[in-house]
Amino acid sequence: MANVPPPSDPWTYSLRLPNDPRAARISRATLRAVLSSHGMAELTDTAELLTCELVTNAVRHSDGPAQLRIRHLCANRLRVSIWDTNPTIPAPFDAPPSPLDRFTALTEAAANLDATSGRGLLIVRLCADNWGGYPLADDLFGINGKLLWFELTPQQNAYEIAA
């Protein structure tokens, strides 16, 4: 039997994605396998939804490849990030979230109940514990574009908090 690292050890997985509509499905399958393997399956549904939204945006709004990065941070916090070649960071991901952002996002959702597209980043804002974006300028390796990310933390129930 292989040695499995303790859950507290950090880990990172990366997946290069072509600019292809199937990229979202491949990302979901990869994410599901990673979270299941690391005992974070309770985050799967939300993480899949938000990852799919960001990957779909990367495919729609850039003309090059994208990259999915799945990271375990301290205290079982999960960060998923998507890099793509389009340097434009959509609002409000171009600034840190404000303390009232969830309320603002709920207000936006209520005002656009009939919208049939363009709500992916709104879903991320409503469901993620934290989110953001930043530009990537040309560097030594020629990487440019933007990186959008979100974080999720497992929810603790009252029994776990009391223990």
Protein backbone atom coordinates (compact mmCIF):
# COMPACT_ATOMS: atom_id res chain seq x y z
CA MET A 1 0.00 0.00 0.00
CA ALA A 2 1.35 3.42 -0.96
CA ASN A 3 2.08 6.00 1.69
CA VAL A 4 -0.71 8.52 1.75
CA PRO A 5 0.30 11.91 3.20
CA PRO A 6 -1.65 13.22 6.17
CA PRO A 7 -4.53 15.53 5.17
CA SER A 8 -2.72 18.54 6.65
CA ASP A 9 0.13 18.32 4.13
CA PRO A 10 -0.29 20.84 1.32
CA TRP A 11 -0.76 19.61 -2.23
CA THR A 12 -1.31 21.11 -5.67
CA TYR A 13 -2.58 19.68 -8.96
CA SER A 14 -2.49 21.45 -12.32
CA LEU A 15 -4.22 20.59 -15.56
CA ARG A 16 -3.56 22.32 -18.88
CA LEU A 17 -6.79 22.78 -20.84
CA PRO A 18 -7.22 23.46 -24.55
CA ASN A 19 -9.66 26.11 -25.67
CA ASP A 20 -12.41 23.54 -26.14
CA PRO A 21 -15.99 23.34 -24.82
CA ARG A 22 -15.21 19.91 -23.30
CA ALA A 23 -12.68 21.53 -20.94
CA ALA A 24 -15.33 22.19 -18.28
CA ARG A 25 -16.37 18.51 -18.18
CA ILE A 26 -12.73 17.36 -17.96
CA SER A 27 -12.11 19.89 -15.17
CA ARG A 28 -15.09 18.60 -13.16
CA ALA A 29 -13.93 14.99 -13.46
CA THR A 30 -10.40 15.92 -12.42
CA LEU A 31 -11.59 18.00 -9.49
CA ARG A 32 -13.91 15.22 -8.31
CA ALA A 33 -11.04 12.68 -8.36
CA VAL A 34 -8.66 15.01 -6.50
CA LEU A 35 -11.14 15.95 -3.76
CA SER A 36 -12.23 12.35 -3.28
CA SER A 37 -8.61 11.18 -3.02
CA HIS A 38 -7.80 13.81 -0.39
CA GLY A 39 -10.86 13.35 1.83
CA MET A 40 -12.50 16.61 0.78
CA ALA A 41 -15.49 15.08 -1.02
CA GLU A 42 -17.96 17.30 0.88
CA LEU A 43 -16.69 20.27 -1.17
CA THR A 44 -17.20 18.49 -4.50
CA ASP A 45 -20.63 19.79 -5.53
CA THR A 46 -19.88 23.45 -4.90
CA ALA A 47 -16.30 23.22 -6.20
CA GLU A 48 -17.48 21.54 -9.42
CA LEU A 49 -20.12 24.21 -10.04
CA LEU A 50 -17.73 27.11 -9.49
CA THR A 51 -14.89 25.47 -11.43
CA CYS A 52 -17.21 24.83 -14.35
CA GLU A 53 -18.26 28.49 -14.37
CA LEU A 54 -14.66 29.77 -14.40
CA VAL A 55 -13.47 27.26 -17.01
CA THR A 56 -16.44 28.03 -19.25
CA ASN A 57 -15.61 31.74 -19.01
CA ALA A 58 -11.97 31.03 -19.86
CA VAL A 59 -12.98 29.06 -22.97
CA ARG A 60 -15.55 31.66 -24.08
CA HIS A 61 -13.53 34.80 -23.45
CA SER A 62 -10.01 33.82 -24.50
CA ASP A 63 -8.57 32.33 -27.63
CA GLY A 64 -5.77 30.30 -26.09
CA PRO A 65 -5.33 27.50 -23.59
CA ALA A 66 -6.27 27.67 -19.93
CA GLN A 67 -4.96 25.99 -16.83
CA LEU A 68 -6.80 24.62 -13.80
CA ARG A 69 -4.94 24.60 -10.49
CA ILE A 70 -6.33 22.86 -7.41
CA ARG A 71 -4.56 23.61 -4.12
CA HIS A 72 -5.01 22.55 -0.53
CA LEU A 73 -4.31 25.44 1.80
CA CYS A 74 -4.05 25.47 5.58
CA ALA A 75 -6.98 24.29 7.70
CA ASN A 76 -8.54 22.22 4.87
CA ARG A 77 -9.11 25.32 2.76
CA LEU A 78 -9.33 24.61 -0.96
CA ARG A 79 -8.27 27.11 -3.63
CA VAL A 80 -9.17 26.56 -7.27
CA SER A 81 -7.73 28.91 -9.85
CA ILE A 82 -8.12 29.23 -13.59
CA TRP A 83 -5.55 30.95 -15.76
CA ASP A 84 -6.40 32.03 -19.30
CA THR A 85 -4.78 34.18 -21.98
CA ASN A 86 -7.28 37.08 -21.87
CA PRO A 87 -5.72 39.85 -19.72
CA THR A 88 -9.06 41.56 -18.93
CA ILE A 89 -10.24 40.87 -15.40
CA PRO A 90 -14.03 41.17 -15.21
CA ALA A 91 -15.57 43.30 -12.49
CA PRO A 92 -15.84 42.79 -9.60
CA PHE A 93 -12.95 40.27 -9.67
CA ASP A 94 -10.62 43.20 -10.44
CA ALA A 95 -10.79 44.32 -6.79
CA PRO A 96 -10.87 42.46 -3.45
CA PRO A 97 -14.34 41.46 -2.26
CA SER A 98 -15.91 43.90 0.17
CA PRO A 99 -17.52 42.79 3.41
CA LEU A 100 -20.92 43.53 1.84
CA ASP A 101 -20.25 41.71 -1.44
CA ARG A 102 -22.50 38.75 -0.69
CA PHE A 103 -25.38 41.15 -0.06
CA THR A 104 -24.51 43.04 -3.26
CA ALA A 105 -24.40 39.77 -5.21
CA LEU A 106 -27.79 38.72 -3.83
CA THR A 107 -29.23 42.09 -4.85
CA GLU A 108 -27.79 41.66 -8.37
CA ALA A 109 -29.22 38.15 -8.61
CA ALA A 110 -32.68 39.34 -7.54
CA ALA A 111 -32.57 42.16 -10.10
CA ASN A 112 -31.70 39.76 -12.93
CA LEU A 113 -34.02 36.82 -12.32
CA ASP A 114 -34.77 36.46 -16.03
CA ALA A 115 -31.14 36.41 -17.17
CA THR A 116 -30.19 33.24 -19.06
CA SER A 117 -26.44 33.88 -19.30
CA GLY A 118 -23.72 35.99 -17.75
CA ARG A 119 -24.31 34.82 -14.18
CA GLY A 120 -21.28 32.56 -13.70
CA LEU A 121 -19.15 35.03 -11.75
CA LEU A 122 -22.21 35.99 -9.71
CA ILE A 123 -22.59 32.32 -8.72
CA VAL A 124 -18.92 32.24 -7.68
CA ARG A 125 -19.42 35.35 -5.54
CA LEU A 126 -22.48 33.84 -3.86
CA CYS A 127 -21.07 30.38 -3.17
CA ALA A 128 -17.34 30.82 -2.50
CA ASP A 129 -15.86 31.69 0.88
CA ASN A 130 -13.38 33.98 -0.86
CA TRP A 131 -12.58 34.89 -4.47
CA GLY A 132 -10.46 37.21 -6.57
CA GLY A 133 -8.41 37.76 -9.66
CA TYR A 134 -5.18 39.31 -10.79
CA PRO A 135 -3.37 40.01 -14.05
CA LEU A 136 -0.33 38.05 -15.16
CA ALA A 137 2.17 40.13 -17.11
CA ASP A 138 4.80 38.78 -19.51
CA ASP A 139 7.60 37.24 -17.53
CA LEU A 140 10.63 35.07 -18.12
CA PHE A 141 8.43 32.20 -19.32
CA GLY A 142 6.09 34.29 -21.48
CA ILE A 143 3.03 33.73 -19.31
CA ASN A 144 0.39 36.44 -19.54
CA GLY A 145 -3.34 36.77 -19.16
CA LYS A 146 -5.26 36.60 -15.91
CA LEU A 147 -5.93 34.29 -13.02
CA LEU A 148 -9.36 34.04 -11.38
CA TRP A 149 -9.70 31.99 -8.19
CA PHE A 150 -12.05 30.99 -5.41
CA GLU A 151 -11.69 29.33 -2.03
CA LEU A 152 -13.94 26.91 -0.16
CA THR A 153 -13.76 25.63 3.40
CA PRO A 154 -15.67 22.61 4.73
CA GLN A 155 -18.62 23.65 6.88
CA GLN A 156 -18.45 22.52 10.48
CA ASN A 157 -21.57 21.32 12.21
CA ALA A 158 -22.45 22.34 15.76
CA TYR A 159 -21.18 19.02 17.19
CA GLU A 160 -17.73 19.46 15.61
CA ILE A 161 -17.47 23.03 16.89
CA ALA A 162 -18.38 21.99 20.46
CA ALA A 163 -15.93 19.08 20.50
